[in-house]
Amino acid sequence: MKWFNKHLNWTVAISSGLATSLLVLIIFVIDKANSEVISLIMALPNILIVLGWGLISGWVLTRKKRSLAWVCLLLIPLGWIGLLLLKNNSPAEGEGQPQ
């Protein structure tokens, strides 16, 4: 967990890559199945992946001391790249703390 706190941009990139890979895999399974039942069953993991991706992005934004409204960038294609461009406003370790 400490690594993810230190490398917030990598956290966004890895989570978006994993989410995209899993979504493509689910879409492939649905396409090959040609069954409404399987399509409905596979919709649940699809929704959970998207919600998890949003939660991870929200966690990164709170660590960067940014508004959670920036999560709306995930609604547009390639919007997650905008999350990478946001500056980290949280103080670095040891900065701003009384000694």
PDB file of N, CA and C in Angstrom:
ATOM      1  N   MET A   1       0.823  -1.186   0.000  1.00  0.00           N
ATOM      2  CA  MET A   1       0.000   0.000   0.000  1.00  0.00           C
ATOM      3  C   MET A   1       0.871   1.255   0.000  1.00  0.00           C
ATOM      4  N   LYS A   2       2.032   1.166   0.623  1.00  0.00           N
ATOM      5  CA  LYS A   2       2.912   2.322   0.682  1.00  0.00           C
ATOM      6  C   LYS A   2       3.381   2.723  -0.719  1.00  0.00           C
ATOM      7  N   TRP A   3       3.610   1.719  -1.574  1.00  0.00           N
ATOM      8  CA  TRP A   3       4.046   2.002  -2.934  1.00  0.00           C
ATOM      9  C   TRP A   3       2.979   2.795  -3.677  1.00  0.00           C
ATOM     10  N   PHE A   4       1.706   2.429  -3.508  1.00  0.00           N
ATOM     11  CA  PHE A   4       0.618   3.119  -4.188  1.00  0.00           C
ATOM     12  C   PHE A   4       0.472   4.552  -3.691  1.00  0.00           C
ATOM     13  N   ASN A   5       0.746   4.801  -2.408  1.00  0.00           N
ATOM     14  CA  ASN A   5       0.717   6.167  -1.880  1.00  0.00           C
ATOM     15  C   ASN A   5       1.820   7.015  -2.496  1.00  0.00           C
ATOM     16  N   LYS A   6       2.950   6.409  -2.742  1.00  0.00           N
ATOM     17  CA  LYS A   6       4.100   7.142  -3.267  1.00  0.00           C
ATOM     18  C   LYS A   6       3.989   7.380  -4.768  1.00  0.00           C
ATOM     19  N   HIS A   7       3.391   6.448  -5.495  1.00  0.00           N
ATOM     20  CA  HIS A   7       3.306   6.512  -6.955  1.00  0.00           C
ATOM     21  C   HIS A   7       1.848   6.616  -7.395  1.00  0.00           C
ATOM     22  N   LEU A   8       1.240   7.769  -7.168  1.00  0.00           N
ATOM     23  CA  LEU A   8      -0.185   7.941  -7.450  1.00  0.00           C
ATOM     24  C   LEU A   8      -0.493   7.863  -8.940  1.00  0.00           C
ATOM     25  N   ASN A   9       0.367   8.435  -9.780  1.00  0.00           N
ATOM     26  CA  ASN A   9       0.106   8.377 -11.221  1.00  0.00           C
ATOM     27  C   ASN A   9       0.204   6.948 -11.747  1.00  0.00           C
ATOM     28  N   TRP A  10       1.143   6.181 -11.221  1.00  0.00           N
ATOM     29  CA  TRP A  10       1.231   4.777 -11.631  1.00  0.00           C
ATOM     30  C   TRP A  10       0.001   4.008 -11.168  1.00  0.00           C
ATOM     31  N   THR A  11      -0.529   4.375 -10.022  1.00  0.00           N
ATOM     32  CA  THR A  11      -1.744   3.729  -9.528  1.00  0.00           C
ATOM     33  C   THR A  11      -2.892   3.945 -10.495  1.00  0.00           C
ATOM     34  N   VAL A  12      -3.040   5.175 -10.992  1.00  0.00           N
ATOM     35  CA  VAL A  12      -4.100   5.471 -11.965  1.00  0.00           C
ATOM     36  C   VAL A  12      -3.854   4.701 -13.257  1.00  0.00           C
ATOM     37  N   ALA A  13      -2.624   4.696 -13.738  1.00  0.00           N
ATOM     38  CA  ALA A  13      -2.322   4.018 -15.005  1.00  0.00           C
ATOM     39  C   ALA A  13      -2.537   2.504 -14.900  1.00  0.00           C
ATOM     40  N   ILE A  14      -2.082   1.904 -13.820  1.00  0.00           N
ATOM     41  CA  ILE A  14      -2.243   0.458 -13.653  1.00  0.00           C
ATOM     42  C   ILE A  14      -3.711   0.095 -13.487  1.00  0.00           C
ATOM     43  N   SER A  15      -4.445   0.867 -12.685  1.00  0.00           N
ATOM     44  CA  SER A  15      -5.864   0.544 -12.484  1.00  0.00           C
ATOM     45  C   SER A  15      -6.660   0.710 -13.770  1.00  0.00           C
ATOM     46  N   SER A  16      -6.345   1.725 -14.565  1.00  0.00           N
ATOM     47  CA  SER A  16      -7.074   1.896 -15.826  1.00  0.00           C
ATOM     48  C   SER A  16      -6.714   0.793 -16.814  1.00  0.00           C
ATOM     49  N   GLY A  17      -5.460   0.371 -16.823  1.00  0.00           N
ATOM     50  CA  GLY A  17      -5.061  -0.730 -17.702  1.00  0.00           C
ATOM     51  C   GLY A  17      -5.728  -2.040 -17.322  1.00  0.00           C
ATOM     52  N   LEU A  18      -5.766  -2.328 -16.020  1.00  0.00           N
ATOM     53  CA  LEU A  18      -6.433  -3.551 -15.567  1.00  0.00           C
ATOM     54  C   LEU A  18      -7.930  -3.506 -15.843  1.00  0.00           C
ATOM     55  N   ALA A  19      -8.547  -2.359 -15.564  1.00  0.00           N
ATOM     56  CA  ALA A  19      -9.989  -2.233 -15.795  1.00  0.00           C
ATOM     57  C   ALA A  19     -10.313  -2.403 -17.268  1.00  0.00           C
ATOM     58  N   THR A  20      -9.534  -1.775 -18.125  1.00  0.00           N
ATOM     59  CA  THR A  20      -9.777  -1.888 -19.564  1.00  0.00           C
ATOM     60  C   THR A  20      -9.587  -3.324 -20.040  1.00  0.00           C
ATOM     61  N   SER A  21      -8.545  -3.987 -19.567  1.00  0.00           N
ATOM     62  CA  SER A  21      -8.296  -5.376 -19.965  1.00  0.00           C
ATOM     63  C   SER A  21      -9.438  -6.291 -19.537  1.00  0.00           C
ATOM     64  N   LEU A  22      -9.896  -6.124 -18.310  1.00  0.00           N
ATOM     65  CA  LEU A  22     -10.991  -6.958 -17.827  1.00  0.00           C
ATOM     66  C   LEU A  22     -12.288  -6.676 -18.572  1.00  0.00           C
ATOM     67  N   LEU A  23     -12.543  -5.401 -18.873  1.00  0.00           N
ATOM     68  CA  LEU A  23     -13.759  -5.061 -19.615  1.00  0.00           C
ATOM     69  C   LEU A  23     -13.734  -5.654 -21.018  1.00  0.00           C
ATOM     70  N   VAL A  24     -12.585  -5.595 -21.674  1.00  0.00           N
ATOM     71  CA  VAL A  24     -12.471  -6.178 -23.016  1.00  0.00           C
ATOM     72  C   VAL A  24     -12.675  -7.693 -22.953  1.00  0.00           C
ATOM     73  N   LEU A  25     -12.131  -8.342 -21.938  1.00  0.00           N
ATOM     74  CA  LEU A  25     -12.312  -9.779 -21.774  1.00  0.00           C
ATOM     75  C   LEU A  25     -13.786 -10.128 -21.569  1.00  0.00           C
ATOM     76  N   ILE A  26     -14.471  -9.361 -20.742  1.00  0.00           N
ATOM     77  CA  ILE A  26     -15.894  -9.611 -20.502  1.00  0.00           C
ATOM     78  C   ILE A  26     -16.702  -9.394 -21.772  1.00  0.00           C
ATOM     79  N   ILE A  27     -16.399  -8.345 -22.503  1.00  0.00           N
ATOM     80  CA  ILE A  27     -17.115  -8.085 -23.758  1.00  0.00           C
ATOM     81  C   ILE A  27     -16.866  -9.220 -24.747  1.00  0.00           C
ATOM     82  N   PHE A  28     -15.649  -9.746 -24.786  1.00  0.00           N
ATOM     83  CA  PHE A  28     -15.331 -10.875 -25.670  1.00  0.00           C
ATOM     84  C   PHE A  28     -16.156 -12.110 -25.294  1.00  0.00           C
ATOM     85  N   VAL A  29     -16.251 -12.394 -23.997  1.00  0.00           N
ATOM     86  CA  VAL A  29     -17.030 -13.550 -23.540  1.00  0.00           C
ATOM     87  C   VAL A  29     -18.499 -13.377 -23.895  1.00  0.00           C
ATOM     88  N   ILE A  30     -19.032 -12.182 -23.681  1.00  0.00           N
ATOM     89  CA  ILE A  30     -20.437 -11.919 -24.003  1.00  0.00           C
ATOM     90  C   ILE A  30     -20.674 -12.082 -25.494  1.00  0.00           C
ATOM     91  N   ASP A  31     -19.755 -11.596 -26.301  1.00  0.00           N
ATOM     92  CA  ASP A  31     -19.908 -11.674 -27.753  1.00  0.00           C
ATOM     93  C   ASP A  31     -19.898 -13.124 -28.243  1.00  0.00           C
ATOM     94  N   LYS A  32     -19.025 -13.940 -27.678  1.00  0.00           N
ATOM     95  CA  LYS A  32     -18.919 -15.334 -28.109  1.00  0.00           C
ATOM     96  C   LYS A  32     -20.058 -16.204 -27.573  1.00  0.00           C
ATOM     97  N   ALA A  33     -20.666 -15.807 -26.465  1.00  0.00           N
ATOM     98  CA  ALA A  33     -21.684 -16.641 -25.835  1.00  0.00           C
ATOM     99  C   ALA A  33     -23.012 -16.617 -26.590  1.00  0.00           C
ATOM    100  N   ASN A  34     -23.389 -15.488 -27.137  1.00  0.00           N
ATOM    101  CA  ASN A  34     -24.665 -15.345 -27.839  1.00  0.00           C
ATOM    102  C   ASN A  34     -25.840 -15.808 -26.982  1.00  0.00           C
ATOM    103  N   SER A  35     -25.786 -15.535 -25.705  1.00  0.00           N
ATOM    104  CA  SER A  35     -26.853 -15.929 -24.795  1.00  0.00           C
ATOM    105  C   SER A  35     -27.230 -14.738 -23.924  1.00  0.00           C
ATOM    106  N   GLU A  36     -28.527 -14.508 -23.789  1.00  0.00           N
ATOM    107  CA  GLU A  36     -28.979 -13.388 -22.963  1.00  0.00           C
ATOM    108  C   GLU A  36     -28.668 -13.625 -21.492  1.00  0.00           C
ATOM    109  N   VAL A  37     -28.735 -14.861 -21.050  1.00  0.00           N
ATOM    110  CA  VAL A  37     -28.464 -15.173 -19.648  1.00  0.00           C
ATOM    111  C   VAL A  37     -27.012 -14.848 -19.305  1.00  0.00           C
ATOM    112  N   ILE A  38     -26.091 -15.268 -20.151  1.00  0.00           N
ATOM    113  CA  ILE A  38     -24.675 -14.985 -19.903  1.00  0.00           C
ATOM    114  C   ILE A  38     -24.416 -13.486 -19.986  1.00  0.00           C
ATOM    115  N   SER A  39     -25.095 -12.807 -20.887  1.00  0.00           N
ATOM    116  CA  SER A  39     -24.939 -11.355 -20.997  1.00  0.00           C
ATOM    117  C   SER A  39     -25.362 -10.670 -19.706  1.00  0.00           C
ATOM    118  N   LEU A  40     -26.455 -11.122 -19.116  1.00  0.00           N
ATOM    119  CA  LEU A  40     -26.913 -10.533 -17.857  1.00  0.00           C
ATOM    120  C   LEU A  40     -25.973 -10.875 -16.707  1.00  0.00           C
ATOM    121  N   ILE A  41     -25.476 -12.108 -16.689  1.00  0.00           N
ATOM    122  CA  ILE A  41     -24.553 -12.517 -15.627  1.00  0.00           C
ATOM    123  C   ILE A  41     -23.248 -11.732 -15.721  1.00  0.00           C
ATOM    124  N   MET A  42     -22.751 -11.509 -16.910  1.00  0.00           N
ATOM    125  CA  MET A  42     -21.483 -10.805 -17.093  1.00  0.00           C
ATOM    126  C   MET A  42     -21.622  -9.296 -16.912  1.00  0.00           C
ATOM    127  N   ALA A  43     -22.846  -8.791 -16.877  1.00  0.00           N
ATOM    128  CA  ALA A  43     -23.039  -7.356 -16.666  1.00  0.00           C
ATOM    129  C   ALA A  43     -22.637  -6.958 -15.249  1.00  0.00           C
ATOM    130  N   LEU A  44     -22.849  -7.832 -14.277  1.00  0.00           N
ATOM    131  CA  LEU A  44     -22.505  -7.513 -12.889  1.00  0.00           C
ATOM    132  C   LEU A  44     -21.003  -7.286 -12.703  1.00  0.00           C
ATOM    133  N   PRO A  45     -20.124  -8.187 -13.162  1.00  0.00           N
ATOM    134  CA  PRO A  45     -18.690  -7.887 -13.035  1.00  0.00           C
ATOM    135  C   PRO A  45     -18.291  -6.624 -13.790  1.00  0.00           C
ATOM    136  N   ASN A  46     -18.950  -6.384 -14.912  1.00  0.00           N
ATOM    137  CA  ASN A  46     -18.682  -5.181 -15.688  1.00  0.00           C
ATOM    138  C   ASN A  46     -18.947  -3.934 -14.849  1.00  0.00           C
ATOM    139  N   ILE A  47     -20.081  -3.905 -14.187  1.00  0.00           N
ATOM    140  CA  ILE A  47     -20.447  -2.766 -13.341  1.00  0.00           C
ATOM    141  C   ILE A  47     -19.489  -2.655 -12.158  1.00  0.00           C
ATOM    142  N   LEU A  48     -19.131  -3.783 -11.553  1.00  0.00           N
ATOM    143  CA  LEU A  48     -18.216  -3.762 -10.410  1.00  0.00           C
ATOM    144  C   LEU A  48     -16.831  -3.251 -10.794  1.00  0.00           C
ATOM    145  N   ILE A  49     -16.362  -3.607 -11.977  1.00  0.00           N
ATOM    146  CA  ILE A  49     -15.058  -3.130 -12.438  1.00  0.00           C
ATOM    147  C   ILE A  49     -15.077  -1.618 -12.610  1.00  0.00           C
ATOM    148  N   VAL A  50     -16.126  -1.099 -13.223  1.00  0.00           N
ATOM    149  CA  VAL A  50     -16.221   0.346 -13.440  1.00  0.00           C
ATOM    150  C   VAL A  50     -16.328   1.080 -12.101  1.00  0.00           C
ATOM    151  N   LEU A  51     -17.113   0.551 -11.165  1.00  0.00           N
ATOM    152  CA  LEU A  51     -17.216   1.178  -9.843  1.00  0.00           C
ATOM    153  C   LEU A  51     -15.881   1.123  -9.098  1.00  0.00           C
ATOM    154  N   GLY A  52     -15.183  -0.005  -9.181  1.00  0.00           N
ATOM    155  CA  GLY A  52     -13.874  -0.115  -8.537  1.00  0.00           C
ATOM    156  C   GLY A  52     -12.873   0.862  -9.111  1.00  0.00           C
ATOM    157  N   TRP A  53     -12.916   1.023 -10.427  1.00  0.00           N
ATOM    158  CA  TRP A  53     -12.026   1.978 -11.082  1.00  0.00           C
ATOM    159  C   TRP A  53     -12.323   3.395 -10.600  1.00  0.00           C
ATOM    160  N   GLY A  54     -13.599   3.715 -10.456  1.00  0.00           N
ATOM    161  CA  GLY A  54     -13.980   5.031  -9.943  1.00  0.00           C
ATOM    162  C   GLY A  54     -13.535   5.232  -8.504  1.00  0.00           C
ATOM    163  N   LEU A  55     -13.653   4.191  -7.678  1.00  0.00           N
ATOM    164  CA  LEU A  55     -13.220   4.294  -6.285  1.00  0.00           C
ATOM    165  C   LEU A  55     -11.708   4.477  -6.177  1.00  0.00           C
ATOM    166  N   ILE A  56     -10.955   3.741  -6.974  1.00  0.00           N
ATOM    167  CA  ILE A  56      -9.496   3.896  -6.957  1.00  0.00           C
ATOM    168  C   ILE A  56      -9.107   5.295  -7.413  1.00  0.00           C
ATOM    169  N   SER A  57      -9.767   5.794  -8.452  1.00  0.00           N
ATOM    170  CA  SER A  57      -9.474   7.147  -8.931  1.00  0.00           C
ATOM    171  C   SER A  57      -9.843   8.183  -7.876  1.00  0.00           C
ATOM    172  N   GLY A  58     -10.951   7.967  -7.181  1.00  0.00           N
ATOM    173  CA  GLY A  58     -11.335   8.870  -6.092  1.00  0.00           C
ATOM    174  C   GLY A  58     -10.326   8.852  -4.962  1.00  0.00           C
ATOM    175  N   TRP A  59      -9.811   7.677  -4.640  1.00  0.00           N
ATOM    176  CA  TRP A  59      -8.791   7.560  -3.598  1.00  0.00           C
ATOM    177  C   TRP A  59      -7.539   8.332  -3.992  1.00  0.00           C
ATOM    178  N   VAL A  60      -7.132   8.211  -5.258  1.00  0.00           N
ATOM    179  CA  VAL A  60      -5.949   8.936  -5.739  1.00  0.00           C
ATOM    180  C   VAL A  60      -6.186  10.439  -5.652  1.00  0.00           C
ATOM    181  N   LEU A  61      -7.383  10.885  -6.026  1.00  0.00           N
ATOM    182  CA  LEU A  61      -7.681  12.318  -5.971  1.00  0.00           C
ATOM    183  C   LEU A  61      -7.646  12.842  -4.540  1.00  0.00           C
ATOM    184  N   THR A  62      -8.142  12.065  -3.578  1.00  0.00           N
ATOM    185  CA  THR A  62      -8.076  12.532  -2.191  1.00  0.00           C
ATOM    186  C   THR A  62      -6.632  12.585  -1.708  1.00  0.00           C
ATOM    187  N   ARG A  63      -5.799  11.660  -2.161  1.00  0.00           N
ATOM    188  CA  ARG A  63      -4.376  11.688  -1.806  1.00  0.00           C
ATOM    189  C   ARG A  63      -3.673  12.889  -2.431  1.00  0.00           C
ATOM    190  N   LYS A  64      -4.136  13.312  -3.601  1.00  0.00           N
ATOM    191  CA  LYS A  64      -3.549  14.477  -4.265  1.00  0.00           C
ATOM    192  C   LYS A  64      -4.164  15.781  -3.758  1.00  0.00           C
ATOM    193  N   LYS A  65      -5.091  15.662  -2.809  1.00  0.00           N
ATOM    194  CA  LYS A  65      -5.807  16.823  -2.250  1.00  0.00           C
ATOM    195  C   LYS A  65      -6.558  17.574  -3.347  1.00  0.00           C
ATOM    196  N   ARG A  66      -7.273  16.833  -4.169  1.00  0.00           N
ATOM    197  CA  ARG A  66      -8.082  17.398  -5.248  1.00  0.00           C
ATOM    198  C   ARG A  66      -9.541  17.082  -5.005  1.00  0.00           C
ATOM    199  N   SER A  67     -10.410  17.841  -5.658  1.00  0.00           N
ATOM    200  CA  SER A  67     -11.850  17.635  -5.543  1.00  0.00           C
ATOM    201  C   SER A  67     -12.246  16.313  -6.197  1.00  0.00           C
ATOM    202  N   LEU A  68     -13.223  15.642  -5.593  1.00  0.00           N
ATOM    203  CA  LEU A  68     -13.708  14.384  -6.165  1.00  0.00           C
ATOM    204  C   LEU A  68     -14.503  14.612  -7.445  1.00  0.00           C
ATOM    205  N   ALA A  69     -14.806  15.858  -7.762  1.00  0.00           N
ATOM    206  CA  ALA A  69     -15.511  16.159  -9.010  1.00  0.00           C
ATOM    207  C   ALA A  69     -14.662  15.781 -10.224  1.00  0.00           C
ATOM    208  N   TRP A  70     -13.359  15.688 -10.032  1.00  0.00           N
ATOM    209  CA  TRP A  70     -12.475  15.295 -11.136  1.00  0.00           C
ATOM    210  C   TRP A  70     -12.720  13.856 -11.585  1.00  0.00           C
ATOM    211  N   VAL A  71     -13.403  13.058 -10.776  1.00  0.00           N
ATOM    212  CA  VAL A  71     -13.728  11.680 -11.172  1.00  0.00           C
ATOM    213  C   VAL A  71     -14.621  11.690 -12.409  1.00  0.00           C
ATOM    214  N   CYS A  72     -15.334  12.787 -12.632  1.00  0.00           N
ATOM    215  CA  CYS A  72     -16.194  12.899 -13.822  1.00  0.00           C
ATOM    216  C   CYS A  72     -15.388  12.786 -15.113  1.00  0.00           C
ATOM    217  N   LEU A  73     -14.083  12.991 -15.050  1.00  0.00           N
ATOM    218  CA  LEU A  73     -13.249  12.814 -16.242  1.00  0.00           C
ATOM    219  C   LEU A  73     -13.311  11.385 -16.769  1.00  0.00           C
ATOM    220  N   LEU A  74     -13.646  10.436 -15.897  1.00  0.00           N
ATOM    221  CA  LEU A  74     -13.723   9.040 -16.326  1.00  0.00           C
ATOM    222  C   LEU A  74     -14.904   8.798 -17.260  1.00  0.00           C
ATOM    223  N   LEU A  75     -15.832   9.747 -17.329  1.00  0.00           N
ATOM    224  CA  LEU A  75     -17.005   9.580 -18.189  1.00  0.00           C
ATOM    225  C   LEU A  75     -16.701   9.853 -19.652  1.00  0.00           C
ATOM    226  N   ILE A  76     -15.572  10.492 -19.940  1.00  0.00           N
ATOM    227  CA  ILE A  76     -15.224  10.786 -21.329  1.00  0.00           C
ATOM    228  C   ILE A  76     -14.096   9.856 -21.776  1.00  0.00           C
ATOM    229  N   PRO A  77     -14.027   9.569 -23.069  1.00  0.00           N
ATOM    230  CA  PRO A  77     -12.946   8.701 -23.545  1.00  0.00           C
ATOM    231  C   PRO A  77     -11.574   9.308 -23.234  1.00  0.00           C
ATOM    232  N   LEU A  78     -10.687   8.498 -22.743  1.00  0.00           N
ATOM    233  CA  LEU A  78      -9.321   8.895 -22.372  1.00  0.00           C
ATOM    234  C   LEU A  78      -9.294   9.985 -21.301  1.00  0.00           C
ATOM    235  N   GLY A  79     -10.366  10.110 -20.550  1.00  0.00           N
ATOM    236  CA  GLY A  79     -10.418  11.105 -19.483  1.00  0.00           C
ATOM    237  C   GLY A  79      -9.475  10.797 -18.336  1.00  0.00           C
ATOM    238  N   TRP A  80      -9.119   9.514 -18.178  1.00  0.00           N
ATOM    239  CA  TRP A  80      -8.212   9.139 -17.097  1.00  0.00           C
ATOM    240  C   TRP A  80      -6.846   9.779 -17.281  1.00  0.00           C
ATOM    241  N   ILE A  81      -6.509  10.162 -18.507  1.00  0.00           N
ATOM    242  CA  ILE A  81      -5.229  10.838 -18.741  1.00  0.00           C
ATOM    243  C   ILE A  81      -5.227  12.195 -18.036  1.00  0.00           C
ATOM    244  N   GLY A  82      -6.387  12.833 -17.965  1.00  0.00           N
ATOM    245  CA  GLY A  82      -6.502  14.096 -17.238  1.00  0.00           C
ATOM    246  C   GLY A  82      -6.163  13.938 -15.768  1.00  0.00           C
ATOM    247  N   LEU A  83      -6.475  12.782 -15.186  1.00  0.00           N
ATOM    248  CA  LEU A  83      -6.124  12.539 -13.787  1.00  0.00           C
ATOM    249  C   LEU A  83      -4.615  12.494 -13.592  1.00  0.00           C
ATOM    250  N   LEU A  84      -3.904  12.025 -14.608  1.00  0.00           N
ATOM    251  CA  LEU A  84      -2.444  11.971 -14.520  1.00  0.00           C
ATOM    252  C   LEU A  84      -1.828  13.366 -14.554  1.00  0.00           C
ATOM    253  N   LEU A  85      -2.506  14.290 -15.214  1.00  0.00           N
ATOM    254  CA  LEU A  85      -1.959  15.632 -15.377  1.00  0.00           C
ATOM    255  C   LEU A  85      -2.192  16.527 -14.166  1.00  0.00           C
ATOM    256  N   LEU A  86      -3.049  16.097 -13.240  1.00  0.00           N
ATOM    257  CA  LEU A  86      -3.323  16.905 -12.056  1.00  0.00           C
ATOM    258  C   LEU A  86      -2.114  16.915 -11.130  1.00  0.00           C
ATOM    259  N   LYS A  87      -1.752  18.106 -10.692  1.00  0.00           N
ATOM    260  CA  LYS A  87      -0.620  18.259  -9.784  1.00  0.00           C
ATOM    261  C   LYS A  87      -0.998  17.747  -8.397  1.00  0.00           C
ATOM    262  N   ASN A  88      -0.046  17.172  -7.713  1.00  0.00           N
ATOM    263  CA  ASN A  88      -0.256  16.688  -6.357  1.00  0.00           C
ATOM    264  C   ASN A  88      -0.141  17.867  -5.401  1.00  0.00           C
ATOM    265  N   ASN A  89      -1.249  18.229  -4.740  1.00  0.00           N
ATOM    266  CA  ASN A  89      -1.247  19.364  -3.820  1.00  0.00           C
ATOM    267  C   ASN A  89      -0.951  18.971  -2.380  1.00  0.00           C
ATOM    268  N   SER A  90      -0.808  17.691  -2.111  1.00  0.00           N
ATOM    269  CA  SER A  90      -0.524  17.279  -0.740  1.00  0.00           C
ATOM    270  C   SER A  90       0.955  17.523  -0.447  1.00  0.00           C
ATOM    271  N   PRO A  91       1.262  17.927   0.787  1.00  0.00           N
ATOM    272  CA  PRO A  91       2.673  18.172   1.117  1.00  0.00           C
ATOM    273  C   PRO A  91       3.460  16.867   1.119  1.00  0.00           C
ATOM    274  N   ALA A  92       4.709  16.958   0.695  1.00  0.00           N
ATOM    275  CA  ALA A  92       5.577  15.777   0.692  1.00  0.00           C
ATOM    276  C   ALA A  92       5.881  15.383   2.131  1.00  0.00           C
ATOM    277  N   GLU A  93       6.332  14.156   2.325  1.00  0.00           N
ATOM    278  CA  GLU A  93       6.660  13.701   3.672  1.00  0.00           C
ATOM    279  C   GLU A  93       7.714  14.603   4.289  1.00  0.00           C
ATOM    280  N   GLY A  94       7.433  15.062   5.491  1.00  0.00           N
ATOM    281  CA  GLY A  94       8.389  15.901   6.194  1.00  0.00           C
ATOM    282  C   GLY A  94       8.215  17.384   5.929  1.00  0.00           C
ATOM    283  N   GLU A  95       7.454  17.759   4.900  1.00  0.00           N
ATOM    284  CA  GLU A  95       7.242  19.175   4.605  1.00  0.00           C
ATOM    285  C   GLU A  95       6.011  19.677   5.350  1.00  0.00           C
ATOM    286  N   GLY A  96       6.074  20.882   5.832  1.00  0.00           N
ATOM    287  CA  GLY A  96       4.933  21.527   6.454  1.00  0.00           C
ATOM    288  C   GLY A  96       4.565  20.977   7.820  1.00  0.00           C
ATOM    289  N   GLN A  97       5.394  20.144   8.382  1.00  0.00           N
ATOM    290  CA  GLN A  97       5.118  19.600   9.699  1.00  0.00           C
ATOM    291  C   GLN A  97       6.109  20.199  10.689  1.00  0.00           C
ATOM    292  N   PRO A  98       5.600  20.605  11.858  1.00  0.00           N
ATOM    293  CA  PRO A  98       6.524  21.192  12.842  1.00  0.00           C
ATOM    294  C   PRO A  98       7.543  20.161  13.317  1.00  0.00           C
ATOM    295  N   GLN A  99       8.740  20.655  13.538  1.00  0.00           N
ATOM    296  CA  GLN A  99       9.814  19.746  13.964  1.00  0.00           C
ATOM    297  C   GLN A  99      10.054  19.843  15.434  1.00  0.00           C
TER     298      GLN A  99
END
